[in-house]
């Protein structure tokens, strides 16, 4: 059995290939009605996309819109790799981590 490589070890081209493969698997899972598998694959796509972005483009203290959740905003407290740690402005103030690929334009 081949051991999977971490996204952090992949080149940009390998990440794009992985994203394409995951999207195809997600499409098939959705067609077959396997919703939980579809959700897992969509999350993997978001994680792979995070490694294509520059974490330095995201700043602590800034507020970003959450992609896929119109009207929801996330304030970054600090960065750790490709994860932004902070809280949702409309939430209960609990700290959570989001991959930077889920963060859209600044507010």
PDB file of N, CA and C in Angstrom:
ATOM      1  N   UNK A   1       0.843  -1.188   0.000  1.00  0.00           N
ATOM      2  CA  UNK A   1       0.000   0.000   0.000  1.00  0.00           C
ATOM      3  C   UNK A   1       0.885   1.247   0.000  1.00  0.00           C
ATOM      4  N   UNK A   2       0.570   2.169  -0.873  1.00  0.00           N
ATOM      5  CA  UNK A   2       1.370   3.380  -0.993  1.00  0.00           C
ATOM      6  C   UNK A   2       0.975   4.379   0.086  1.00  0.00           C
ATOM      7  N   UNK A   3       1.984   4.928   0.747  1.00  0.00           N
ATOM      8  CA  UNK A   3       1.719   5.906   1.793  1.00  0.00           C
ATOM      9  C   UNK A   3       1.424   7.260   1.156  1.00  0.00           C
ATOM     10  N   UNK A   4       0.365   7.907   1.631  1.00  0.00           N
ATOM     11  CA  UNK A   4      -0.006   9.213   1.097  1.00  0.00           C
ATOM     12  C   UNK A   4       0.995  10.269   1.561  1.00  0.00           C
ATOM     13  N   UNK A   5       1.269  11.204   0.657  1.00  0.00           N
ATOM     14  CA  UNK A   5       2.157  12.310   1.002  1.00  0.00           C
ATOM     15  C   UNK A   5       1.349  13.441   1.613  1.00  0.00           C
ATOM     16  N   UNK A   6       1.994  14.182   2.454  1.00  0.00           N
ATOM     17  CA  UNK A   6       1.351  15.355   3.046  1.00  0.00           C
ATOM     18  C   UNK A   6       1.259  16.457   2.001  1.00  0.00           C
ATOM     19  N   UNK A   7       0.215  17.273   2.121  1.00  0.00           N
ATOM     20  CA  UNK A   7       0.068  18.394   1.200  1.00  0.00           C
ATOM     21  C   UNK A   7       1.265  19.329   1.302  1.00  0.00           C
ATOM     22  N   UNK A   8       1.824  19.465   2.486  1.00  0.00           N
ATOM     23  CA  UNK A   8       2.962  20.367   2.680  1.00  0.00           C
ATOM     24  C   UNK A   8       4.206  19.886   1.935  1.00  0.00           C
ATOM     25  N   UNK A   9       4.253  18.613   1.555  1.00  0.00           N
ATOM     26  CA  UNK A   9       5.400  18.060   0.842  1.00  0.00           C
ATOM     27  C   UNK A   9       5.219  18.094  -0.674  1.00  0.00           C
ATOM     28  N   UNK A  10       4.009  18.447  -1.133  1.00  0.00           N
ATOM     29  CA  UNK A  10       3.710  18.411  -2.559  1.00  0.00           C
ATOM     30  C   UNK A  10       4.103  19.713  -3.251  1.00  0.00           C
ATOM     31  N   UNK A  11       4.439  19.575  -4.538  1.00  0.00           N
ATOM     32  CA  UNK A  11       4.700  20.755  -5.356  1.00  0.00           C
ATOM     33  C   UNK A  11       3.363  21.375  -5.755  1.00  0.00           C
ATOM     34  N   UNK A  12       3.415  22.567  -6.314  1.00  0.00           N
ATOM     35  CA  UNK A  12       2.185  23.233  -6.757  1.00  0.00           C
ATOM     36  C   UNK A  12       1.448  22.375  -7.788  1.00  0.00           C
ATOM     37  N   UNK A  13       2.197  21.818  -8.733  1.00  0.00           N
ATOM     38  CA  UNK A  13       1.581  20.977  -9.764  1.00  0.00           C
ATOM     39  C   UNK A  13       0.918  19.744  -9.137  1.00  0.00           C
ATOM     40  N   UNK A  14       1.582  19.115  -8.183  1.00  0.00           N
ATOM     41  CA  UNK A  14       1.008  17.939  -7.516  1.00  0.00           C
ATOM     42  C   UNK A  14      -0.262  18.312  -6.756  1.00  0.00           C
ATOM     43  N   UNK A  15      -0.257  19.500  -6.134  1.00  0.00           N
ATOM     44  CA  UNK A  15      -1.454  19.952  -5.417  1.00  0.00           C
ATOM     45  C   UNK A  15      -2.628  20.140  -6.377  1.00  0.00           C
ATOM     46  N   UNK A  16      -2.374  20.743  -7.536  1.00  0.00           N
ATOM     47  CA  UNK A  16      -3.439  20.930  -8.527  1.00  0.00           C
ATOM     48  C   UNK A  16      -3.969  19.581  -9.013  1.00  0.00           C
ATOM     49  N   UNK A  17      -3.079  18.607  -9.212  1.00  0.00           N
ATOM     50  CA  UNK A  17      -3.508  17.268  -9.627  1.00  0.00           C
ATOM     51  C   UNK A  17      -4.349  16.615  -8.531  1.00  0.00           C
ATOM     52  N   UNK A  18      -3.927  16.783  -7.290  1.00  0.00           N
ATOM     53  CA  UNK A  18      -4.672  16.226  -6.155  1.00  0.00           C
ATOM     54  C   UNK A  18      -6.061  16.857  -6.066  1.00  0.00           C
ATOM     55  N   UNK A  19      -6.131  18.162  -6.250  1.00  0.00           N
ATOM     56  CA  UNK A  19      -7.420  18.864  -6.203  1.00  0.00           C
ATOM     57  C   UNK A  19      -8.350  18.340  -7.295  1.00  0.00           C
ATOM     58  N   UNK A  20      -7.820  18.170  -8.507  1.00  0.00           N
ATOM     59  CA  UNK A  20      -8.634  17.659  -9.613  1.00  0.00           C
ATOM     60  C   UNK A  20      -9.143  16.253  -9.301  1.00  0.00           C
ATOM     61  N   UNK A  21      -8.277  15.418  -8.764  1.00  0.00           N
ATOM     62  CA  UNK A  21      -8.665  14.052  -8.410  1.00  0.00           C
ATOM     63  C   UNK A  21      -9.736  14.041  -7.316  1.00  0.00           C
ATOM     64  N   UNK A  22      -9.549  14.866  -6.302  1.00  0.00           N
ATOM     65  CA  UNK A  22     -10.524  14.939  -5.209  1.00  0.00           C
ATOM     66  C   UNK A  22     -11.872  15.460  -5.686  1.00  0.00           C
ATOM     67  N   UNK A  23     -11.840  16.442  -6.577  1.00  0.00           N
ATOM     68  CA  UNK A  23     -13.095  16.991  -7.116  1.00  0.00           C
ATOM     69  C   UNK A  23     -13.861  15.931  -7.903  1.00  0.00           C
ATOM     70  N   UNK A  24     -13.134  15.133  -8.664  1.00  0.00           N
ATOM     71  CA  UNK A  24     -13.770  14.063  -9.436  1.00  0.00           C
ATOM     72  C   UNK A  24     -14.391  13.027  -8.497  1.00  0.00           C
ATOM     73  N   UNK A  25     -13.658  12.640  -7.466  1.00  0.00           N
ATOM     74  CA  UNK A  25     -14.197  11.690  -6.481  1.00  0.00           C
ATOM     75  C   UNK A  25     -15.418  12.275  -5.777  1.00  0.00           C
ATOM     76  N   UNK A  26     -15.362  13.570  -5.459  1.00  0.00           N
ATOM     77  CA  UNK A  26     -16.489  14.234  -4.793  1.00  0.00           C
ATOM     78  C   UNK A  26     -17.708  14.261  -5.702  1.00  0.00           C
ATOM     79  N   UNK A  27     -17.481  14.509  -6.982  1.00  0.00           N
ATOM     80  CA  UNK A  27     -18.586  14.534  -7.946  1.00  0.00           C
ATOM     81  C   UNK A  27     -19.265  13.169  -8.000  1.00  0.00           C
ATOM     82  N   UNK A  28     -18.461  12.110  -8.039  1.00  0.00           N
ATOM     83  CA  UNK A  28     -19.012  10.748  -8.079  1.00  0.00           C
ATOM     84  C   UNK A  28     -19.771  10.428  -6.793  1.00  0.00           C
ATOM     85  N   UNK A  29     -19.207  10.815  -5.656  1.00  0.00           N
ATOM     86  CA  UNK A  29     -19.876  10.563  -4.369  1.00  0.00           C
ATOM     87  C   UNK A  29     -21.208  11.295  -4.312  1.00  0.00           C
ATOM     88  N   UNK A  30     -21.242  12.515  -4.822  1.00  0.00           N
ATOM     89  CA  UNK A  30     -22.487  13.288  -4.827  1.00  0.00           C
ATOM     90  C   UNK A  30     -23.525  12.620  -5.724  1.00  0.00           C
ATOM     91  N   UNK A  31     -23.096  12.146  -6.891  1.00  0.00           N
ATOM     92  CA  UNK A  31     -24.010  11.471  -7.813  1.00  0.00           C
ATOM     93  C   UNK A  31     -24.576  10.196  -7.202  1.00  0.00           C
ATOM     94  N   UNK A  32     -23.757   9.513  -6.406  1.00  0.00           N
ATOM     95  CA  UNK A  32     -24.204   8.273  -5.767  1.00  0.00           C
ATOM     96  C   UNK A  32     -24.982   8.532  -4.478  1.00  0.00           C
ATOM     97  N   UNK A  33     -25.055   9.804  -4.079  1.00  0.00           N
ATOM     98  CA  UNK A  33     -25.796  10.153  -2.875  1.00  0.00           C
ATOM     99  C   UNK A  33     -25.069   9.852  -1.580  1.00  0.00           C
ATOM    100  N   UNK A  34     -23.750   9.726  -1.654  1.00  0.00           N
ATOM    101  CA  UNK A  34     -22.949   9.464  -0.453  1.00  0.00           C
ATOM    102  C   UNK A  34     -22.510  10.823   0.096  1.00  0.00           C
ATOM    103  N   UNK A  35     -23.405  11.443   0.819  1.00  0.00           N
ATOM    104  CA  UNK A  35     -23.215  12.831   1.257  1.00  0.00           C
ATOM    105  C   UNK A  35     -22.033  12.989   2.207  1.00  0.00           C
ATOM    106  N   UNK A  36     -21.864  12.062   3.149  1.00  0.00           N
ATOM    107  CA  UNK A  36     -20.749  12.207   4.097  1.00  0.00           C
ATOM    108  C   UNK A  36     -19.402  12.088   3.391  1.00  0.00           C
ATOM    109  N   UNK A  37     -19.286  11.197   2.403  1.00  0.00           N
ATOM    110  CA  UNK A  37     -18.049  11.065   1.628  1.00  0.00           C
ATOM    111  C   UNK A  37     -17.798  12.336   0.817  1.00  0.00           C
ATOM    112  N   UNK A  38     -18.866  12.890   0.246  1.00  0.00           N
ATOM    113  CA  UNK A  38     -18.772  14.141  -0.503  1.00  0.00           C
ATOM    114  C   UNK A  38     -18.223  15.257   0.393  1.00  0.00           C
ATOM    115  N   UNK A  39     -18.750  15.364   1.613  1.00  0.00           N
ATOM    116  CA  UNK A  39     -18.315  16.418   2.541  1.00  0.00           C
ATOM    117  C   UNK A  39     -16.840  16.261   2.913  1.00  0.00           C
ATOM    118  N   UNK A  40     -16.412  15.036   3.141  1.00  0.00           N
ATOM    119  CA  UNK A  40     -15.008  14.780   3.488  1.00  0.00           C
ATOM    120  C   UNK A  40     -14.097  15.176   2.331  1.00  0.00           C
ATOM    121  N   UNK A  41     -14.480  14.817   1.120  1.00  0.00           N
ATOM    122  CA  UNK A  41     -13.662  15.141  -0.051  1.00  0.00           C
ATOM    123  C   UNK A  41     -13.618  16.646  -0.297  1.00  0.00           C
ATOM    124  N   UNK A  42     -14.729  17.336  -0.075  1.00  0.00           N
ATOM    125  CA  UNK A  42     -14.745  18.793  -0.227  1.00  0.00           C
ATOM    126  C   UNK A  42     -13.800  19.449   0.779  1.00  0.00           C
ATOM    127  N   UNK A  43     -13.757  18.928   2.002  1.00  0.00           N
ATOM    128  CA  UNK A  43     -12.834  19.453   3.018  1.00  0.00           C
ATOM    129  C   UNK A  43     -11.387  19.224   2.607  1.00  0.00           C
ATOM    130  N   UNK A  44     -11.115  18.052   2.019  1.00  0.00           N
ATOM    131  CA  UNK A  44      -9.750  17.782   1.554  1.00  0.00           C
ATOM    132  C   UNK A  44      -9.354  18.751   0.447  1.00  0.00           C
ATOM    133  N   UNK A  45     -10.296  19.084  -0.436  1.00  0.00           N
ATOM    134  CA  UNK A  45     -10.023  20.064  -1.493  1.00  0.00           C
ATOM    135  C   UNK A  45      -9.645  21.401  -0.861  1.00  0.00           C
ATOM    136  N   UNK A  46     -10.393  21.825   0.153  1.00  0.00           N
ATOM    137  CA  UNK A  46     -10.092  23.096   0.821  1.00  0.00           C
ATOM    138  C   UNK A  46      -8.708  23.062   1.482  1.00  0.00           C
ATOM    139  N   UNK A  47      -8.359  21.928   2.069  1.00  0.00           N
ATOM    140  CA  UNK A  47      -7.036  21.823   2.698  1.00  0.00           C
ATOM    141  C   UNK A  47      -5.931  21.909   1.647  1.00  0.00           C
ATOM    142  N   UNK A  48      -6.095  21.197   0.535  1.00  0.00           N
ATOM    143  CA  UNK A  48      -5.078  21.243  -0.523  1.00  0.00           C
ATOM    144  C   UNK A  48      -4.955  22.656  -1.078  1.00  0.00           C
ATOM    145  N   UNK A  49      -6.087  23.336  -1.247  1.00  0.00           N
ATOM    146  CA  UNK A  49      -6.051  24.721  -1.753  1.00  0.00           C
ATOM    147  C   UNK A  49      -5.314  25.648  -0.788  1.00  0.00           C
ATOM    148  N   UNK A  50      -5.428  25.383   0.502  1.00  0.00           N
ATOM    149  CA  UNK A  50      -4.758  26.229   1.493  1.00  0.00           C
ATOM    150  C   UNK A  50      -3.242  26.228   1.274  1.00  0.00           C
ATOM    151  N   UNK A  51      -2.714  25.090   0.833  1.00  0.00           N
ATOM    152  CA  UNK A  51      -1.271  24.998   0.608  1.00  0.00           C
ATOM    153  C   UNK A  51      -0.826  25.694  -0.667  1.00  0.00           C
ATOM    154  N   UNK A  52      -1.775  26.136  -1.489  1.00  0.00           N
ATOM    155  CA  UNK A  52      -1.440  26.902  -2.690  1.00  0.00           C
ATOM    156  C   UNK A  52      -1.406  28.404  -2.396  1.00  0.00           C
ATOM    157  N   UNK A  53      -1.855  28.787  -1.212  1.00  0.00           N
ATOM    158  CA  UNK A  53      -1.909  30.205  -0.831  1.00  0.00           C
ATOM    159  C   UNK A  53      -0.738  30.581   0.052  1.00  0.00           C
ATOM    160  N   UNK A  54      -0.451  31.868   0.115  1.00  0.00           N
ATOM    161  CA  UNK A  54       0.630  32.388   0.953  1.00  0.00           C
ATOM    162  C   UNK A  54       0.046  32.844   2.287  1.00  0.00           C
ATOM    163  N   UNK A  55       0.371  32.159   3.377  1.00  0.00           N
ATOM    164  CA  UNK A  55      -0.160  32.548   4.688  1.00  0.00           C
ATOM    165  C   UNK A  55       0.194  33.982   5.083  1.00  0.00           C
ATOM    166  N   UNK A  56       1.255  34.530   4.506  1.00  0.00           N
ATOM    167  CA  UNK A  56       1.662  35.899   4.820  1.00  0.00           C
ATOM    168  C   UNK A  56       0.683  36.930   4.285  1.00  0.00           C
ATOM    169  N   UNK A  57      -0.234  36.509   3.414  1.00  0.00           N
ATOM    170  CA  UNK A  57      -1.242  37.423   2.867  1.00  0.00           C
ATOM    171  C   UNK A  57      -2.425  37.599   3.834  1.00  0.00           C
ATOM    172  N   UNK A  58      -2.417  36.858   4.931  1.00  0.00           N
ATOM    173  CA  UNK A  58      -3.485  36.928   5.923  1.00  0.00           C
ATOM    174  C   UNK A  58      -2.903  37.495   7.210  1.00  0.00           C
ATOM    175  N   UNK A  59      -3.601  38.480   7.772  1.00  0.00           N
ATOM    176  CA  UNK A  59      -3.051  39.249   8.871  1.00  0.00           C
ATOM    177  C   UNK A  59      -3.887  39.113  10.134  1.00  0.00           C
ATOM    178  N   UNK A  60      -3.198  38.893  11.247  1.00  0.00           N
ATOM    179  CA  UNK A  60      -3.878  38.852  12.540  1.00  0.00           C
ATOM    180  C   UNK A  60      -4.543  40.195  12.798  1.00  0.00           C
ATOM    181  N   UNK A  61      -5.747  40.160  13.357  1.00  0.00           N
ATOM    182  CA  UNK A  61      -6.490  41.369  13.646  1.00  0.00           C
ATOM    183  C   UNK A  61      -7.436  41.777  12.531  1.00  0.00           C
ATOM    184  N   UNK A  62      -7.246  41.197  11.342  1.00  0.00           N
ATOM    185  CA  UNK A  62      -8.101  41.517  10.196  1.00  0.00           C
ATOM    186  C   UNK A  62      -9.347  40.633  10.200  1.00  0.00           C
ATOM    187  N   UNK A  63     -10.369  41.116   9.518  1.00  0.00           N
ATOM    188  CA  UNK A  63     -11.633  40.395   9.411  1.00  0.00           C
ATOM    189  C   UNK A  63     -11.827  39.986   7.950  1.00  0.00           C
ATOM    190  N   UNK A  64     -12.153  38.716   7.734  1.00  0.00           N
ATOM    191  CA  UNK A  64     -12.327  38.176   6.393  1.00  0.00           C
ATOM    192  C   UNK A  64     -13.701  37.520   6.284  1.00  0.00           C
ATOM    193  N   UNK A  65     -14.269  37.601   5.080  1.00  0.00           N
ATOM    194  CA  UNK A  65     -15.519  36.886   4.826  1.00  0.00           C
ATOM    195  C   UNK A  65     -15.194  35.403   4.671  1.00  0.00           C
ATOM    196  N   UNK A  66     -16.081  34.544   5.154  1.00  0.00           N
ATOM    197  CA  UNK A  66     -15.881  33.108   5.030  1.00  0.00           C
ATOM    198  C   UNK A  66     -16.508  32.657   3.713  1.00  0.00           C
ATOM    199  N   UNK A  67     -15.684  32.091   2.826  1.00  0.00           N
ATOM    200  CA  UNK A  67     -16.184  31.601   1.540  1.00  0.00           C
ATOM    201  C   UNK A  67     -17.203  30.490   1.780  1.00  0.00           C
ATOM    202  N   UNK A  68     -18.270  30.537   1.030  1.00  0.00           N
ATOM    203  CA  UNK A  68     -19.303  29.519   1.161  1.00  0.00           C
ATOM    204  C   UNK A  68     -20.294  29.809   2.264  1.00  0.00           C
ATOM    205  N   UNK A  69     -20.093  30.905   2.982  1.00  0.00           N
ATOM    206  CA  UNK A  69     -21.007  31.296   4.067  1.00  0.00           C
ATOM    207  C   UNK A  69     -21.247  32.803   3.938  1.00  0.00           C
ATOM    208  N   UNK A  70     -22.085  33.195   2.983  1.00  0.00           N
ATOM    209  CA  UNK A  70     -22.312  34.631   2.753  1.00  0.00           C
ATOM    210  C   UNK A  70     -22.780  35.360   4.014  1.00  0.00           C
ATOM    211  N   UNK A  71     -22.157  36.499   4.277  1.00  0.00           N
ATOM    212  CA  UNK A  71     -22.539  37.293   5.436  1.00  0.00           C
ATOM    213  C   UNK A  71     -21.872  36.866   6.731  1.00  0.00           C
ATOM    214  N   UNK A  72     -21.076  35.792   6.706  1.00  0.00           N
ATOM    215  CA  UNK A  72     -20.349  35.360   7.908  1.00  0.00           C
ATOM    216  C   UNK A  72     -18.914  35.844   7.807  1.00  0.00           C
ATOM    217  N   UNK A  73     -18.420  36.379   8.920  1.00  0.00           N
ATOM    218  CA  UNK A  73     -17.068  36.932   8.939  1.00  0.00           C
ATOM    219  C   UNK A  73     -16.250  36.297  10.048  1.00  0.00           C
ATOM    220  N   UNK A  74     -14.924  36.269   9.830  1.00  0.00           N
ATOM    221  CA  UNK A  74     -13.985  35.619  10.731  1.00  0.00           C
ATOM    222  C   UNK A  74     -12.863  36.596  11.049  1.00  0.00           C
ATOM    223  N   UNK A  75     -12.603  36.801  12.336  1.00  0.00           N
ATOM    224  CA  UNK A  75     -11.500  37.671  12.760  1.00  0.00           C
ATOM    225  C   UNK A  75     -10.327  36.798  13.176  1.00  0.00           C
ATOM    226  N   UNK A  76      -9.174  37.050  12.561  1.00  0.00           N
ATOM    227  CA  UNK A  76      -7.978  36.257  12.842  1.00  0.00           C
ATOM    228  C   UNK A  76      -7.275  36.790  14.087  1.00  0.00           C
ATOM    229  N   UNK A  77      -7.022  35.899  15.037  1.00  0.00           N
ATOM    230  CA  UNK A  77      -6.208  36.246  16.199  1.00  0.00           C
ATOM    231  C   UNK A  77      -4.732  35.976  15.913  1.00  0.00           C
ATOM    232  N   UNK A  78      -4.451  34.821  15.305  1.00  0.00           N
ATOM    233  CA  UNK A  78      -3.075  34.492  14.933  1.00  0.00           C
ATOM    234  C   UNK A  78      -3.078  33.428  13.846  1.00  0.00           C
ATOM    235  N   UNK A  79      -1.928  33.290  13.196  1.00  0.00           N
ATOM    236  CA  UNK A  79      -1.746  32.312  12.130  1.00  0.00           C
ATOM    237  C   UNK A  79      -0.850  31.187  12.629  1.00  0.00           C
ATOM    238  N   UNK A  80      -1.130  29.979  12.166  1.00  0.00           N
ATOM    239  CA  UNK A  80      -0.282  28.825  12.447  1.00  0.00           C
ATOM    240  C   UNK A  80      -0.254  27.986  11.173  1.00  0.00           C
ATOM    241  N   UNK A  81       0.783  28.160  10.371  1.00  0.00           N
ATOM    242  CA  UNK A  81       0.868  27.468   9.088  1.00  0.00           C
ATOM    243  C   UNK A  81      -0.205  27.984   8.148  1.00  0.00           C
ATOM    244  N   UNK A  82      -1.000  27.069   7.603  1.00  0.00           N
ATOM    245  CA  UNK A  82      -2.063  27.456   6.678  1.00  0.00           C
ATOM    246  C   UNK A  82      -3.410  27.585   7.392  1.00  0.00           C
ATOM    247  N   UNK A  83      -3.374  27.643   8.717  1.00  0.00           N
ATOM    248  CA  UNK A  83      -4.588  27.811   9.500  1.00  0.00           C
ATOM    249  C   UNK A  83      -4.641  29.191  10.139  1.00  0.00           C
ATOM    250  N   UNK A  84      -5.816  29.790  10.053  1.00  0.00           N
ATOM    251  CA  UNK A  84      -6.071  31.060  10.734  1.00  0.00           C
ATOM    252  C   UNK A  84      -6.863  30.724  11.995  1.00  0.00           C
ATOM    253  N   UNK A  85      -6.359  31.129  13.125  1.00  0.00           N
ATOM    254  CA  UNK A  85      -7.048  30.899  14.404  1.00  0.00           C
ATOM    255  C   UNK A  85      -7.747  32.190  14.815  1.00  0.00           C
ATOM    256  N   UNK A  86      -8.983  32.059  15.220  1.00  0.00           N
ATOM    257  CA  UNK A  86      -9.748  33.229  15.618  1.00  0.00           C
ATOM    258  C   UNK A  86     -11.175  32.843  15.930  1.00  0.00           C
ATOM    259  N   UNK A  87     -12.112  33.727  15.591  1.00  0.00           N
ATOM    260  CA  UNK A  87     -13.510  33.449  15.898  1.00  0.00           C
ATOM    261  C   UNK A  87     -14.426  34.089  14.861  1.00  0.00           C
ATOM    262  N   UNK A  88     -15.603  33.510  14.741  1.00  0.00           N
ATOM    263  CA  UNK A  88     -16.630  34.039  13.843  1.00  0.00           C
ATOM    264  C   UNK A  88     -17.312  35.205  14.541  1.00  0.00           C
ATOM    265  N   UNK A  89     -17.511  36.297  13.816  1.00  0.00           N
ATOM    266  CA  UNK A  89     -18.141  37.467  14.422  1.00  0.00           C
ATOM    267  C   UNK A  89     -19.578  37.192  14.825  1.00  0.00           C
ATOM    268  N   UNK A  90     -20.256  36.306  14.093  1.00  0.00           N
ATOM    269  CA  UNK A  90     -21.648  35.993  14.405  1.00  0.00           C
ATOM    270  C   UNK A  90     -21.765  34.808  15.360  1.00  0.00           C
ATOM    271  N   UNK A  91     -20.638  34.268  15.789  1.00  0.00           N
ATOM    272  CA  UNK A  91     -20.650  33.075  16.644  1.00  0.00           C
ATOM    273  C   UNK A  91     -20.664  33.411  18.113  1.00  0.00           C
ATOM    274  N   UNK A  92     -20.300  32.400  18.898  1.00  0.00           N
ATOM    275  CA  UNK A  92     -20.319  32.545  20.356  1.00  0.00           C
ATOM    276  C   UNK A  92     -18.972  32.974  20.927  1.00  0.00           C
ATOM    277  N   UNK A  93     -18.044  33.341  20.076  1.00  0.00           N
ATOM    278  CA  UNK A  93     -16.742  33.818  20.522  1.00  0.00           C
ATOM    279  C   UNK A  93     -15.733  32.723  20.802  1.00  0.00           C
ATOM    280  N   UNK A  94     -16.105  31.460  20.558  1.00  0.00           N
ATOM    281  CA  UNK A  94     -15.169  30.363  20.783  1.00  0.00           C
ATOM    282  C   UNK A  94     -14.108  30.355  19.689  1.00  0.00           C
ATOM    283  N   UNK A  95     -12.880  30.109  20.105  1.00  0.00           N
ATOM    284  CA  UNK A  95     -11.772  30.075  19.159  1.00  0.00           C
ATOM    285  C   UNK A  95     -11.874  28.836  18.278  1.00  0.00           C
ATOM    286  N   UNK A  96     -11.592  29.018  16.998  1.00  0.00           N
ATOM    287  CA  UNK A  96     -11.555  27.902  16.064  1.00  0.00           C
ATOM    288  C   UNK A  96     -10.498  28.188  15.010  1.00  0.00           C
ATOM    289  N   UNK A  97     -10.138  27.163  14.263  1.00  0.00           N
ATOM    290  CA  UNK A  97      -9.150  27.306  13.192  1.00  0.00           C
ATOM    291  C   UNK A  97      -9.822  27.018  11.865  1.00  0.00           C
ATOM    292  N   UNK A  98      -9.535  27.861  10.876  1.00  0.00           N
ATOM    293  CA  UNK A  98     -10.028  27.652   9.516  1.00  0.00           C
ATOM    294  C   UNK A  98      -8.843  27.624   8.574  1.00  0.00           C
ATOM    295  N   UNK A  99      -8.852  26.721   7.585  1.00  0.00           N
ATOM    296  CA  UNK A  99      -7.811  26.805   6.569  1.00  0.00           C
ATOM    297  C   UNK A  99      -7.956  28.116   5.813  1.00  0.00           C
ATOM    298  N   UNK A 100      -6.841  28.711   5.450  1.00  0.00           N
ATOM    299  CA  UNK A 100      -6.900  30.037   4.823  1.00  0.00           C
ATOM    300  C   UNK A 100      -7.639  30.020   3.489  1.00  0.00           C
ATOM    301  N   UNK A 101      -7.802  28.852   2.901  1.00  0.00           N
ATOM    302  CA  UNK A 101      -8.548  28.756   1.639  1.00  0.00           C
ATOM    303  C   UNK A 101     -10.026  29.049   1.829  1.00  0.00           C
ATOM    304  N   UNK A 102     -10.510  29.039   3.066  1.00  0.00           N
ATOM    305  CA  UNK A 102     -11.914  29.360   3.341  1.00  0.00           C
ATOM    306  C   UNK A 102     -12.133  30.853   3.585  1.00  0.00           C
ATOM    307  N   UNK A 103     -11.047  31.612   3.623  1.00  0.00           N
ATOM    308  CA  UNK A 103     -11.174  33.035   3.890  1.00  0.00           C
ATOM    309  C   UNK A 103     -11.173  33.828   2.592  1.00  0.00           C
ATOM    310  N   UNK A 104     -12.157  34.673   2.432  1.00  0.00           N
ATOM    311  CA  UNK A 104     -12.282  35.467   1.221  1.00  0.00           C
ATOM    312  C   UNK A 104     -11.760  36.870   1.426  1.00  0.00           C
ATOM    313  N   UNK A 105     -12.451  37.802   0.819  1.00  0.00           N
ATOM    314  CA  UNK A 105     -11.996  39.194   0.861  1.00  0.00           C
ATOM    315  C   UNK A 105     -12.130  39.784   2.262  1.00  0.00           C
ATOM    316  N   UNK A 106     -11.279  40.783   2.510  1.00  0.00           N
ATOM    317  CA  UNK A 106     -11.332  41.482   3.794  1.00  0.00           C
ATOM    318  C   UNK A 106     -12.577  42.310   3.901  1.00  0.00           C
ATOM    319  N   UNK A 107     -13.028  42.471   5.120  1.00  0.00           N
ATOM    320  CA  UNK A 107     -14.194  43.303   5.381  1.00  0.00           C
ATOM    321  C   UNK A 107     -13.777  44.747   5.382  1.00  0.00           C
TER     322      UNK A 107
END
